[in-house]
């Protein structure tokens, strides 16, 4: 008698979606540092917060996260460069 084959899957059966936290729900535990000389983690935090603001301004439409990040990075690093050259 022939054995029945069990179906195989070639990857994960479900995708996990992790929602972004609300902007006000994150409690900053690092002390504030001026834009003229922020530490790398604080600079990344500033970029992350601005990217989230851009996401919210777009109506929280998914799919443009990288664009939001690059725009936020451009804005934050531009401000930093202008403040250092002044």
PDB file of N, CA and C in Angstrom:
ATOM      1  N   UNK A   1       0.842  -1.171   0.000  1.00  0.00           N
ATOM      2  CA  UNK A   1       0.000   0.000   0.000  1.00  0.00           C
ATOM      3  C   UNK A   1       0.893   1.242   0.000  1.00  0.00           C
ATOM      4  N   UNK A   2       0.541   2.242  -0.770  1.00  0.00           N
ATOM      5  CA  UNK A   2       1.329   3.465  -0.883  1.00  0.00           C
ATOM      6  C   UNK A   2       1.069   4.368   0.311  1.00  0.00           C
ATOM      7  N   UNK A   3       2.134   5.005   0.736  1.00  0.00           N
ATOM      8  CA  UNK A   3       2.002   5.950   1.869  1.00  0.00           C
ATOM      9  C   UNK A   3       1.574   7.317   1.361  1.00  0.00           C
ATOM     10  N   UNK A   4       0.767   7.979   2.125  1.00  0.00           N
ATOM     11  CA  UNK A   4       0.341   9.335   1.777  1.00  0.00           C
ATOM     12  C   UNK A   4       1.475  10.300   2.092  1.00  0.00           C
ATOM     13  N   UNK A   5       1.710  11.221   1.196  1.00  0.00           N
ATOM     14  CA  UNK A   5       2.750  12.227   1.415  1.00  0.00           C
ATOM     15  C   UNK A   5       2.195  13.353   2.274  1.00  0.00           C
ATOM     16  N   UNK A   6       3.023  13.804   3.208  1.00  0.00           N
ATOM     17  CA  UNK A   6       2.634  14.959   4.014  1.00  0.00           C
ATOM     18  C   UNK A   6       3.108  16.213   3.295  1.00  0.00           C
ATOM     19  N   UNK A   7       2.278  17.245   3.292  1.00  0.00           N
ATOM     20  CA  UNK A   7       2.688  18.478   2.609  1.00  0.00           C
ATOM     21  C   UNK A   7       3.884  19.105   3.308  1.00  0.00           C
ATOM     22  N   UNK A   8       4.773  19.646   2.518  1.00  0.00           N
ATOM     23  CA  UNK A   8       5.930  20.343   3.082  1.00  0.00           C
ATOM     24  C   UNK A   8       5.796  21.826   2.807  1.00  0.00           C
ATOM     25  N   UNK A   9       6.385  22.606   3.684  1.00  0.00           N
ATOM     26  CA  UNK A   9       6.391  24.055   3.488  1.00  0.00           C
ATOM     27  C   UNK A   9       7.829  24.487   3.289  1.00  0.00           C
ATOM     28  N   UNK A  10       8.006  25.426   2.427  1.00  0.00           N
ATOM     29  CA  UNK A  10       9.345  25.924   2.131  1.00  0.00           C
ATOM     30  C   UNK A  10       9.572  27.298   2.742  1.00  0.00           C
ATOM     31  N   UNK A  11       9.298  27.463   3.979  1.00  0.00           N
ATOM     32  CA  UNK A  11       9.503  28.750   4.624  1.00  0.00           C
ATOM     33  C   UNK A  11       8.522  28.935   5.760  1.00  0.00           C
ATOM     34  N   UNK A  12       8.554  30.139   6.329  1.00  0.00           N
ATOM     35  CA  UNK A  12       7.640  30.405   7.449  1.00  0.00           C
ATOM     36  C   UNK A  12       6.190  30.382   6.985  1.00  0.00           C
ATOM     37  N   UNK A  13       5.347  29.897   7.863  1.00  0.00           N
ATOM     38  CA  UNK A  13       3.926  29.783   7.522  1.00  0.00           C
ATOM     39  C   UNK A  13       3.166  31.075   7.758  1.00  0.00           C
ATOM     40  N   UNK A  14       3.716  31.944   8.566  1.00  0.00           N
ATOM     41  CA  UNK A  14       3.048  33.226   8.793  1.00  0.00           C
ATOM     42  C   UNK A  14       4.093  34.304   9.009  1.00  0.00           C
ATOM     43  N   UNK A  15       3.726  35.516   8.656  1.00  0.00           N
ATOM     44  CA  UNK A  15       4.618  36.652   8.864  1.00  0.00           C
ATOM     45  C   UNK A  15       4.169  37.391  10.109  1.00  0.00           C
ATOM     46  N   UNK A  16       5.131  37.743  10.915  1.00  0.00           N
ATOM     47  CA  UNK A  16       4.814  38.478  12.124  1.00  0.00           C
ATOM     48  C   UNK A  16       4.941  39.967  11.830  1.00  0.00           C
ATOM     49  N   UNK A  17       3.918  40.723  12.153  1.00  0.00           N
ATOM     50  CA  UNK A  17       3.928  42.159  11.966  1.00  0.00           C
ATOM     51  C   UNK A  17       4.051  42.804  13.331  1.00  0.00           C
ATOM     52  N   UNK A  18       5.048  43.649  13.473  1.00  0.00           N
ATOM     53  CA  UNK A  18       5.267  44.340  14.736  1.00  0.00           C
ATOM     54  C   UNK A  18       4.879  45.798  14.541  1.00  0.00           C
ATOM     55  N   UNK A  19       3.857  46.265  15.256  1.00  0.00           N
ATOM     56  CA  UNK A  19       3.420  47.647  15.070  1.00  0.00           C
ATOM     57  C   UNK A  19       4.421  48.625  15.671  1.00  0.00           C
ATOM     58  N   UNK A  20       4.493  49.814  15.078  1.00  0.00           N
ATOM     59  CA  UNK A  20       5.351  50.867  15.619  1.00  0.00           C
ATOM     60  C   UNK A  20       4.666  51.445  16.850  1.00  0.00           C
ATOM     61  N   UNK A  21       5.430  51.789  17.882  1.00  0.00           N
ATOM     62  CA  UNK A  21       4.819  52.378  19.073  1.00  0.00           C
ATOM     63  C   UNK A  21       4.356  53.802  18.796  1.00  0.00           C
ATOM     64  N   UNK A  22       3.404  54.248  19.575  1.00  0.00           N
ATOM     65  CA  UNK A  22       2.940  55.622  19.456  1.00  0.00           C
ATOM     66  C   UNK A  22       4.081  56.552  19.850  1.00  0.00           C
ATOM     67  N   UNK A  23       4.124  57.725  19.246  1.00  0.00           N
ATOM     68  CA  UNK A  23       5.231  58.655  19.472  1.00  0.00           C
ATOM     69  C   UNK A  23       5.375  59.037  20.942  1.00  0.00           C
ATOM     70  N   UNK A  24       4.289  59.269  21.636  1.00  0.00           N
ATOM     71  CA  UNK A  24       4.372  59.695  23.022  1.00  0.00           C
ATOM     72  C   UNK A  24       4.539  58.556  24.017  1.00  0.00           C
ATOM     73  N   UNK A  25       4.500  57.310  23.540  1.00  0.00           N
ATOM     74  CA  UNK A  25       4.555  56.186  24.469  1.00  0.00           C
ATOM     75  C   UNK A  25       5.973  55.796  24.859  1.00  0.00           C
ATOM     76  N   UNK A  26       6.965  56.370  24.192  1.00  0.00           N
ATOM     77  CA  UNK A  26       8.351  56.036  24.508  1.00  0.00           C
ATOM     78  C   UNK A  26       8.874  57.058  25.496  1.00  0.00           C
ATOM     79  N   UNK A  27       9.301  56.590  26.653  1.00  0.00           N
ATOM     80  CA  UNK A  27       9.853  57.475  27.660  1.00  0.00           C
ATOM     81  C   UNK A  27      11.355  57.598  27.455  1.00  0.00           C
ATOM     82  N   UNK A  28      11.834  58.796  27.122  1.00  0.00           N
ATOM     83  CA  UNK A  28      13.274  58.947  26.928  1.00  0.00           C
ATOM     84  C   UNK A  28      14.003  58.829  28.254  1.00  0.00           C
ATOM     85  N   UNK A  29      15.008  57.973  28.308  1.00  0.00           N
ATOM     86  CA  UNK A  29      15.764  57.807  29.540  1.00  0.00           C
ATOM     87  C   UNK A  29      17.148  58.441  29.436  1.00  0.00           C
ATOM     88  N   UNK A  30      17.537  58.806  28.215  1.00  0.00           N
ATOM     89  CA  UNK A  30      18.813  59.485  28.046  1.00  0.00           C
ATOM     90  C   UNK A  30      18.617  60.970  28.249  1.00  0.00           C
ATOM     91  N   UNK A  31      19.642  61.624  28.760  1.00  0.00           N
ATOM     92  CA  UNK A  31      19.534  63.065  28.945  1.00  0.00           C
ATOM     93  C   UNK A  31      19.634  63.777  27.607  1.00  0.00           C
ATOM     94  N   UNK A  32      19.040  64.925  27.535  1.00  0.00           N
ATOM     95  CA  UNK A  32      19.046  65.689  26.284  1.00  0.00           C
ATOM     96  C   UNK A  32      20.443  66.223  26.012  1.00  0.00           C
ATOM     97  N   UNK A  33      20.823  66.196  24.757  1.00  0.00           N
ATOM     98  CA  UNK A  33      22.130  66.684  24.327  1.00  0.00           C
ATOM     99  C   UNK A  33      21.893  67.659  23.190  1.00  0.00           C
ATOM    100  N   UNK A  34      22.692  68.673  23.102  1.00  0.00           N
ATOM    101  CA  UNK A  34      22.504  69.651  22.041  1.00  0.00           C
ATOM    102  C   UNK A  34      22.754  69.027  20.679  1.00  0.00           C
ATOM    103  N   UNK A  35      22.132  69.587  19.648  1.00  0.00           N
ATOM    104  CA  UNK A  35      22.314  69.088  18.288  1.00  0.00           C
ATOM    105  C   UNK A  35      23.730  69.302  17.785  1.00  0.00           C
ATOM    106  N   UNK A  36      24.453  70.220  18.385  1.00  0.00           N
ATOM    107  CA  UNK A  36      25.790  70.513  17.884  1.00  0.00           C
ATOM    108  C   UNK A  36      26.781  69.385  18.134  1.00  0.00           C
ATOM    109  N   UNK A  37      26.560  68.550  19.153  1.00  0.00           N
ATOM    110  CA  UNK A  37      27.488  67.472  19.436  1.00  0.00           C
ATOM    111  C   UNK A  37      26.787  66.277  20.082  1.00  0.00           C
ATOM    112  N   UNK A  38      25.807  65.672  19.406  1.00  0.00           N
ATOM    113  CA  UNK A  38      25.132  64.524  20.012  1.00  0.00           C
ATOM    114  C   UNK A  38      25.950  63.246  19.893  1.00  0.00           C
ATOM    115  N   UNK A  39      25.752  62.357  20.834  1.00  0.00           N
ATOM    116  CA  UNK A  39      26.385  61.042  20.765  1.00  0.00           C
ATOM    117  C   UNK A  39      25.687  60.245  19.665  1.00  0.00           C
ATOM    118  N   UNK A  40      26.351  59.221  19.103  1.00  0.00           N
ATOM    119  CA  UNK A  40      25.750  58.452  18.004  1.00  0.00           C
ATOM    120  C   UNK A  40      24.358  57.898  18.318  1.00  0.00           C
ATOM    121  N   UNK A  41      24.152  57.346  19.509  1.00  0.00           N
ATOM    122  CA  UNK A  41      22.843  56.798  19.844  1.00  0.00           C
ATOM    123  C   UNK A  41      21.789  57.892  19.965  1.00  0.00           C
ATOM    124  N   UNK A  42      22.185  59.039  20.477  1.00  0.00           N
ATOM    125  CA  UNK A  42      21.231  60.141  20.599  1.00  0.00           C
ATOM    126  C   UNK A  42      20.892  60.709  19.224  1.00  0.00           C
ATOM    127  N   UNK A  43      21.869  60.741  18.334  1.00  0.00           N
ATOM    128  CA  UNK A  43      21.626  61.196  16.971  1.00  0.00           C
ATOM    129  C   UNK A  43      20.655  60.240  16.263  1.00  0.00           C
ATOM    130  N   UNK A  44      20.883  58.939  16.439  1.00  0.00           N
ATOM    131  CA  UNK A  44      19.980  57.945  15.850  1.00  0.00           C
ATOM    132  C   UNK A  44      18.578  58.081  16.424  1.00  0.00           C
ATOM    133  N   UNK A  45      18.479  58.368  17.706  1.00  0.00           N
ATOM    134  CA  UNK A  45      17.177  58.544  18.344  1.00  0.00           C
ATOM    135  C   UNK A  45      16.446  59.757  17.762  1.00  0.00           C
ATOM    136  N   UNK A  46      17.183  60.840  17.520  1.00  0.00           N
ATOM    137  CA  UNK A  46      16.580  62.033  16.916  1.00  0.00           C
ATOM    138  C   UNK A  46      16.063  61.715  15.514  1.00  0.00           C
ATOM    139  N   UNK A  47      16.846  60.969  14.751  1.00  0.00           N
ATOM    140  CA  UNK A  47      16.444  60.594  13.399  1.00  0.00           C
ATOM    141  C   UNK A  47      15.216  59.691  13.453  1.00  0.00           C
ATOM    142  N   UNK A  48      15.223  58.722  14.366  1.00  0.00           N
ATOM    143  CA  UNK A  48      14.094  57.803  14.499  1.00  0.00           C
ATOM    144  C   UNK A  48      12.819  58.547  14.841  1.00  0.00           C
ATOM    145  N   UNK A  49      12.899  59.491  15.768  1.00  0.00           N
ATOM    146  CA  UNK A  49      11.711  60.259  16.159  1.00  0.00           C
ATOM    147  C   UNK A  49      11.194  61.105  14.996  1.00  0.00           C
ATOM    148  N   UNK A  50      12.107  61.735  14.240  1.00  0.00           N
ATOM    149  CA  UNK A  50      11.678  62.551  13.101  1.00  0.00           C
ATOM    150  C   UNK A  50      11.061  61.672  12.009  1.00  0.00           C
ATOM    151  N   UNK A  51      11.646  60.496  11.782  1.00  0.00           N
ATOM    152  CA  UNK A  51      11.092  59.574  10.786  1.00  0.00           C
ATOM    153  C   UNK A  51       9.680  59.157  11.184  1.00  0.00           C
ATOM    154  N   UNK A  52       9.457  58.952  12.462  1.00  0.00           N
ATOM    155  CA  UNK A  52       8.121  58.586  12.923  1.00  0.00           C
ATOM    156  C   UNK A  52       7.149  59.753  12.747  1.00  0.00           C
ATOM    157  N   UNK A  53       7.618  60.979  12.990  1.00  0.00           N
ATOM    158  CA  UNK A  53       6.766  62.144  12.752  1.00  0.00           C
ATOM    159  C   UNK A  53       6.360  62.219  11.277  1.00  0.00           C
ATOM    160  N   UNK A  54       7.323  61.953  10.387  1.00  0.00           N
ATOM    161  CA  UNK A  54       7.024  61.975   8.949  1.00  0.00           C
ATOM    162  C   UNK A  54       6.007  60.894   8.593  1.00  0.00           C
ATOM    163  N   UNK A  55       6.169  59.722   9.186  1.00  0.00           N
ATOM    164  CA  UNK A  55       5.231  58.614   8.977  1.00  0.00           C
ATOM    165  C   UNK A  55       3.820  59.031   9.401  1.00  0.00           C
ATOM    166  N   UNK A  56       3.720  59.690  10.558  1.00  0.00           N
ATOM    167  CA  UNK A  56       2.413  60.140  11.030  1.00  0.00           C
ATOM    168  C   UNK A  56       1.834  61.218  10.119  1.00  0.00           C
ATOM    169  N   UNK A  57       2.685  62.124   9.635  1.00  0.00           N
ATOM    170  CA  UNK A  57       2.213  63.184   8.737  1.00  0.00           C
ATOM    171  C   UNK A  57       1.677  62.609   7.430  1.00  0.00           C
ATOM    172  N   UNK A  58       2.194  61.469   7.007  1.00  0.00           N
ATOM    173  CA  UNK A  58       1.723  60.807   5.793  1.00  0.00           C
ATOM    174  C   UNK A  58       0.441  60.020   6.027  1.00  0.00           C
ATOM    175  N   UNK A  59      -0.082  60.054   7.230  1.00  0.00           N
ATOM    176  CA  UNK A  59      -1.304  59.325   7.528  1.00  0.00           C
ATOM    177  C   UNK A  59      -1.047  57.872   7.910  1.00  0.00           C
ATOM    178  N   UNK A  60       0.157  57.582   8.368  1.00  0.00           N
ATOM    179  CA  UNK A  60       0.558  56.237   8.808  1.00  0.00           C
ATOM    180  C   UNK A  60       0.402  55.185   7.715  1.00  0.00           C
ATOM    181  N   UNK A  61       0.659  55.594   6.502  1.00  0.00           N
ATOM    182  CA  UNK A  61       0.592  54.675   5.369  1.00  0.00           C
ATOM    183  C   UNK A  61       1.880  53.867   5.313  1.00  0.00           C
ATOM    184  N   UNK A  62       1.800  52.540   5.344  1.00  0.00           N
ATOM    185  CA  UNK A  62       3.015  51.726   5.308  1.00  0.00           C
ATOM    186  C   UNK A  62       3.646  51.712   3.913  1.00  0.00           C
ATOM    187  N   UNK A  63       4.925  51.341   3.876  1.00  0.00           N
ATOM    188  CA  UNK A  63       5.608  51.149   2.609  1.00  0.00           C
ATOM    189  C   UNK A  63       6.651  52.192   2.273  1.00  0.00           C
ATOM    190  N   UNK A  64       6.697  53.287   2.995  1.00  0.00           N
ATOM    191  CA  UNK A  64       7.670  54.338   2.702  1.00  0.00           C
ATOM    192  C   UNK A  64       8.610  54.600   3.881  1.00  0.00           C
ATOM    193  N   UNK A  65       8.835  53.581   4.692  1.00  0.00           N
ATOM    194  CA  UNK A  65       9.646  53.735   5.896  1.00  0.00           C
ATOM    195  C   UNK A  65      11.071  54.176   5.580  1.00  0.00           C
ATOM    196  N   UNK A  66      11.641  53.627   4.521  1.00  0.00           N
ATOM    197  CA  UNK A  66      13.017  53.975   4.161  1.00  0.00           C
ATOM    198  C   UNK A  66      13.091  55.426   3.704  1.00  0.00           C
ATOM    199  N   UNK A  67      12.090  55.856   2.946  1.00  0.00           N
ATOM    200  CA  UNK A  67      12.050  57.256   2.516  1.00  0.00           C
ATOM    201  C   UNK A  67      11.946  58.188   3.722  1.00  0.00           C
ATOM    202  N   UNK A  68      11.099  57.819   4.685  1.00  0.00           N
ATOM    203  CA  UNK A  68      10.958  58.622   5.902  1.00  0.00           C
ATOM    204  C   UNK A  68      12.289  58.704   6.640  1.00  0.00           C
ATOM    205  N   UNK A  69      12.989  57.565   6.737  1.00  0.00           N
ATOM    206  CA  UNK A  69      14.259  57.533   7.458  1.00  0.00           C
ATOM    207  C   UNK A  69      15.293  58.422   6.769  1.00  0.00           C
ATOM    208  N   UNK A  70      15.414  58.302   5.440  1.00  0.00           N
ATOM    209  CA  UNK A  70      16.408  59.099   4.725  1.00  0.00           C
ATOM    210  C   UNK A  70      16.095  60.594   4.798  1.00  0.00           C
ATOM    211  N   UNK A  71      14.816  60.937   4.720  1.00  0.00           N
ATOM    212  CA  UNK A  71      14.445  62.350   4.831  1.00  0.00           C
ATOM    213  C   UNK A  71      14.763  62.883   6.226  1.00  0.00           C
ATOM    214  N   UNK A  72      14.432  62.096   7.251  1.00  0.00           N
ATOM    215  CA  UNK A  72      14.720  62.508   8.630  1.00  0.00           C
ATOM    216  C   UNK A  72      16.225  62.641   8.841  1.00  0.00           C
ATOM    217  N   UNK A  73      16.979  61.691   8.327  1.00  0.00           N
ATOM    218  CA  UNK A  73      18.437  61.720   8.453  1.00  0.00           C
ATOM    219  C   UNK A  73      18.995  62.978   7.774  1.00  0.00           C
ATOM    220  N   UNK A  74      18.488  63.278   6.591  1.00  0.00           N
ATOM    221  CA  UNK A  74      18.926  64.468   5.854  1.00  0.00           C
ATOM    222  C   UNK A  74      18.631  65.737   6.663  1.00  0.00           C
ATOM    223  N   UNK A  75      17.435  65.827   7.236  1.00  0.00           N
ATOM    224  CA  UNK A  75      17.054  67.009   8.009  1.00  0.00           C
ATOM    225  C   UNK A  75      17.913  67.157   9.266  1.00  0.00           C
ATOM    226  N   UNK A  76      18.055  66.079  10.025  1.00  0.00           N
ATOM    227  CA  UNK A  76      18.795  66.141  11.297  1.00  0.00           C
ATOM    228  C   UNK A  76      20.278  66.418  11.056  1.00  0.00           C
ATOM    229  N   UNK A  77      20.884  65.697  10.111  1.00  0.00           N
ATOM    230  CA  UNK A  77      22.304  65.901   9.841  1.00  0.00           C
ATOM    231  C   UNK A  77      22.553  67.268   9.203  1.00  0.00           C
ATOM    232  N   UNK A  78      21.594  67.759   8.416  1.00  0.00           N
ATOM    233  CA  UNK A  78      21.706  69.106   7.840  1.00  0.00           C
ATOM    234  C   UNK A  78      21.706  70.173   8.921  1.00  0.00           C
ATOM    235  N   UNK A  79      20.809  70.016   9.891  1.00  0.00           N
ATOM    236  CA  UNK A  79      20.782  70.957  11.021  1.00  0.00           C
ATOM    237  C   UNK A  79      22.091  70.919  11.792  1.00  0.00           C
ATOM    238  N   UNK A  80      22.603  69.723  11.993  1.00  0.00           N
ATOM    239  CA  UNK A  80      23.858  69.561  12.737  1.00  0.00           C
ATOM    240  C   UNK A  80      25.000  70.255  11.999  1.00  0.00           C
ATOM    241  N   UNK A  81      25.080  70.054  10.683  1.00  0.00           N
ATOM    242  CA  UNK A  81      26.157  70.654   9.889  1.00  0.00           C
ATOM    243  C   UNK A  81      26.049  72.186   9.890  1.00  0.00           C
ATOM    244  N   UNK A  82      24.817  72.708   9.757  1.00  0.00           N
ATOM    245  CA  UNK A  82      24.633  74.160   9.768  1.00  0.00           C
ATOM    246  C   UNK A  82      25.016  74.760  11.115  1.00  0.00           C
ATOM    247  N   UNK A  83      24.678  74.065  12.203  1.00  0.00           N
ATOM    248  CA  UNK A  83      24.998  74.607  13.532  1.00  0.00           C
ATOM    249  C   UNK A  83      26.498  74.559  13.803  1.00  0.00           C
ATOM    250  N   UNK A  84      27.207  73.601  13.229  1.00  0.00           N
ATOM    251  CA  UNK A  84      28.657  73.517  13.433  1.00  0.00           C
ATOM    252  C   UNK A  84      29.411  74.543  12.591  1.00  0.00           C
ATOM    253  N   UNK A  85      28.839  74.905  11.427  1.00  0.00           N
ATOM    254  CA  UNK A  85      29.522  75.858  10.558  1.00  0.00           C
ATOM    255  C   UNK A  85      29.251  77.300  10.954  1.00  0.00           C
ATOM    256  N   UNK A  86      28.256  77.516  11.799  1.00  0.00           N
ATOM    257  CA  UNK A  86      27.907  78.878  12.213  1.00  0.00           C
ATOM    258  C   UNK A  86      28.810  79.393  13.304  1.00  0.00           C
TER     259      UNK A  86
END
